[in-house]
Amino acid sequence: MEIGEKMTRTIEEVVKAVEQLPQDQLKQFRAWFQEFDSEAWDEQIEKDMKGRKLDALAQAAIADHQAGKSRKL
């Protein structure tokens, strides 16, 4: 995926701003970003499930398990 010039400038501005954060604010930012990223990941997984994009992977995993190619964790 190619990042446009405007987006590149925005990312560079964000990076510079994050680099200048004091440690307490950096800790807050990390916590916020982790939550933000987790929610985005959950939304993508939900979208993929609804779009049945994970069905083939699930079927392959079931087939592997039935063929004895899995093990207890």
C-alpha atoms as a PDB file:
ATOM      1  CA  MET A   1       0.000   0.000   0.000  1.00  0.00           C
ATOM      2  CA  GLU A   2       1.409   3.332  -1.021  1.00  0.00           C
ATOM      3  CA  ILE A   3       1.195   6.128   1.519  1.00  0.00           C
ATOM      4  CA  GLY A   4       0.344   9.493   0.030  1.00  0.00           C
ATOM      5  CA  GLU A   5       2.409  12.606   0.645  1.00  0.00           C
ATOM      6  CA  LYS A   6      -0.211  14.171   2.909  1.00  0.00           C
ATOM      7  CA  MET A   7      -0.452  11.033   5.030  1.00  0.00           C
ATOM      8  CA  THR A   8       3.324  10.789   5.242  1.00  0.00           C
ATOM      9  CA  ARG A   9       3.505  14.320   6.601  1.00  0.00           C
ATOM     10  CA  THR A  10       0.775  13.523   9.120  1.00  0.00           C
ATOM     11  CA  ILE A  11       2.572  10.386  10.282  1.00  0.00           C
ATOM     12  CA  GLU A  12       5.825  12.293  10.598  1.00  0.00           C
ATOM     13  CA  GLU A  13       4.055  14.942  12.700  1.00  0.00           C
ATOM     14  CA  VAL A  14       2.569  12.269  14.961  1.00  0.00           C
ATOM     15  CA  VAL A  15       5.943  10.555  15.358  1.00  0.00           C
ATOM     16  CA  LYS A  16       7.604  13.843  16.307  1.00  0.00           C
ATOM     17  CA  ALA A  17       4.836  14.637  18.796  1.00  0.00           C
ATOM     18  CA  VAL A  18       5.070  11.190  20.408  1.00  0.00           C
ATOM     19  CA  GLU A  19       8.856  11.453  20.650  1.00  0.00           C
ATOM     20  CA  GLN A  20       8.465  14.677  22.629  1.00  0.00           C
ATOM     21  CA  LEU A  21       6.013  13.317  25.190  1.00  0.00           C
ATOM     22  CA  PRO A  22       7.151  13.180  28.811  1.00  0.00           C
ATOM     23  CA  GLN A  23       7.254   9.641  30.244  1.00  0.00           C
ATOM     24  CA  ASP A  24       3.919   9.918  32.100  1.00  0.00           C
ATOM     25  CA  GLN A  25       2.114  11.081  28.964  1.00  0.00           C
ATOM     26  CA  LEU A  26       3.896   8.451  26.855  1.00  0.00           C
ATOM     27  CA  LYS A  27       2.572   5.815  29.252  1.00  0.00           C
ATOM     28  CA  GLN A  28      -0.956   7.220  28.835  1.00  0.00           C
ATOM     29  CA  PHE A  29      -0.545   7.277  25.061  1.00  0.00           C
ATOM     30  CA  ARG A  30       0.625   3.649  25.005  1.00  0.00           C
ATOM     31  CA  ALA A  31      -2.405   2.553  27.023  1.00  0.00           C
ATOM     32  CA  TRP A  32      -4.754   4.530  24.779  1.00  0.00           C
ATOM     33  CA  PHE A  33      -3.162   3.216  21.580  1.00  0.00           C
ATOM     34  CA  GLN A  34      -3.243  -0.377  22.777  1.00  0.00           C
ATOM     35  CA  GLU A  35      -6.979  -0.064  23.454  1.00  0.00           C
ATOM     36  CA  PHE A  36      -7.543   1.728  20.135  1.00  0.00           C
ATOM     37  CA  ASP A  37      -5.613  -0.919  18.203  1.00  0.00           C
ATOM     38  CA  SER A  38      -7.381  -3.780  19.982  1.00  0.00           C
ATOM     39  CA  GLU A  39     -10.775  -2.339  19.105  1.00  0.00           C
ATOM     40  CA  ALA A  40      -9.760  -1.904  15.457  1.00  0.00           C
ATOM     41  CA  TRP A  41      -8.518  -5.510  15.374  1.00  0.00           C
ATOM     42  CA  ASP A  42     -11.765  -6.771  16.932  1.00  0.00           C
ATOM     43  CA  GLU A  43     -13.819  -4.820  14.392  1.00  0.00           C
ATOM     44  CA  GLN A  44     -11.794  -6.285  11.505  1.00  0.00           C
ATOM     45  CA  ILE A  45     -12.172  -9.841  12.811  1.00  0.00           C
ATOM     46  CA  GLU A  46     -15.916  -9.300  13.249  1.00  0.00           C
ATOM     47  CA  LYS A  47     -16.176  -7.935   9.697  1.00  0.00           C
ATOM     48  CA  ASP A  48     -14.198 -10.882   8.319  1.00  0.00           C
ATOM     49  CA  MET A  49     -16.381 -13.346  10.222  1.00  0.00           C
ATOM     50  CA  LYS A  50     -19.572 -11.773   8.900  1.00  0.00           C
ATOM     51  CA  GLY A  51     -18.096 -11.801   5.395  1.00  0.00           C
ATOM     52  CA  ARG A  52     -17.262 -15.479   5.871  1.00  0.00           C
ATOM     53  CA  LYS A  53     -13.608 -14.765   5.064  1.00  0.00           C
ATOM     54  CA  LEU A  54     -12.448 -17.033   7.889  1.00  0.00           C
ATOM     55  CA  ASP A  55     -14.517 -20.076   6.900  1.00  0.00           C
ATOM     56  CA  ALA A  56     -11.782 -21.657   4.792  1.00  0.00           C
ATOM     57  CA  LEU A  57      -9.238 -21.263   7.595  1.00  0.00           C
ATOM     58  CA  ALA A  58     -11.648 -22.786  10.104  1.00  0.00           C
ATOM     59  CA  GLN A  59     -12.373 -25.735   7.825  1.00  0.00           C
ATOM     60  CA  ALA A  60      -8.665 -26.315   7.264  1.00  0.00           C
ATOM     61  CA  ALA A  61      -8.033 -26.265  11.021  1.00  0.00           C
ATOM     62  CA  ILE A  62     -10.872 -28.741  11.628  1.00  0.00           C
ATOM     63  CA  ALA A  63      -9.574 -31.031   8.882  1.00  0.00           C
ATOM     64  CA  ASP A  64      -6.050 -30.908  10.345  1.00  0.00           C
ATOM     65  CA  HIS A  65      -7.396 -31.726  13.794  1.00  0.00           C
ATOM     66  CA  GLN A  66      -9.440 -34.634  12.486  1.00  0.00           C
ATOM     67  CA  ALA A  67      -6.352 -35.912  10.653  1.00  0.00           C
ATOM     68  CA  GLY A  68      -4.428 -35.955  13.948  1.00  0.00           C
ATOM     69  CA  LYS A  69      -2.280 -32.946  13.083  1.00  0.00           C
ATOM     70  CA  SER A  70      -3.110 -31.031  16.262  1.00  0.00           C
ATOM     71  CA  ARG A  71      -1.962 -31.315  19.849  1.00  0.00           C
ATOM     72  CA  LYS A  72      -3.199 -30.230  23.259  1.00  0.00           C
ATOM     73  CA  LEU A  73      -1.911 -26.924  24.507  1.00  0.00           C
END
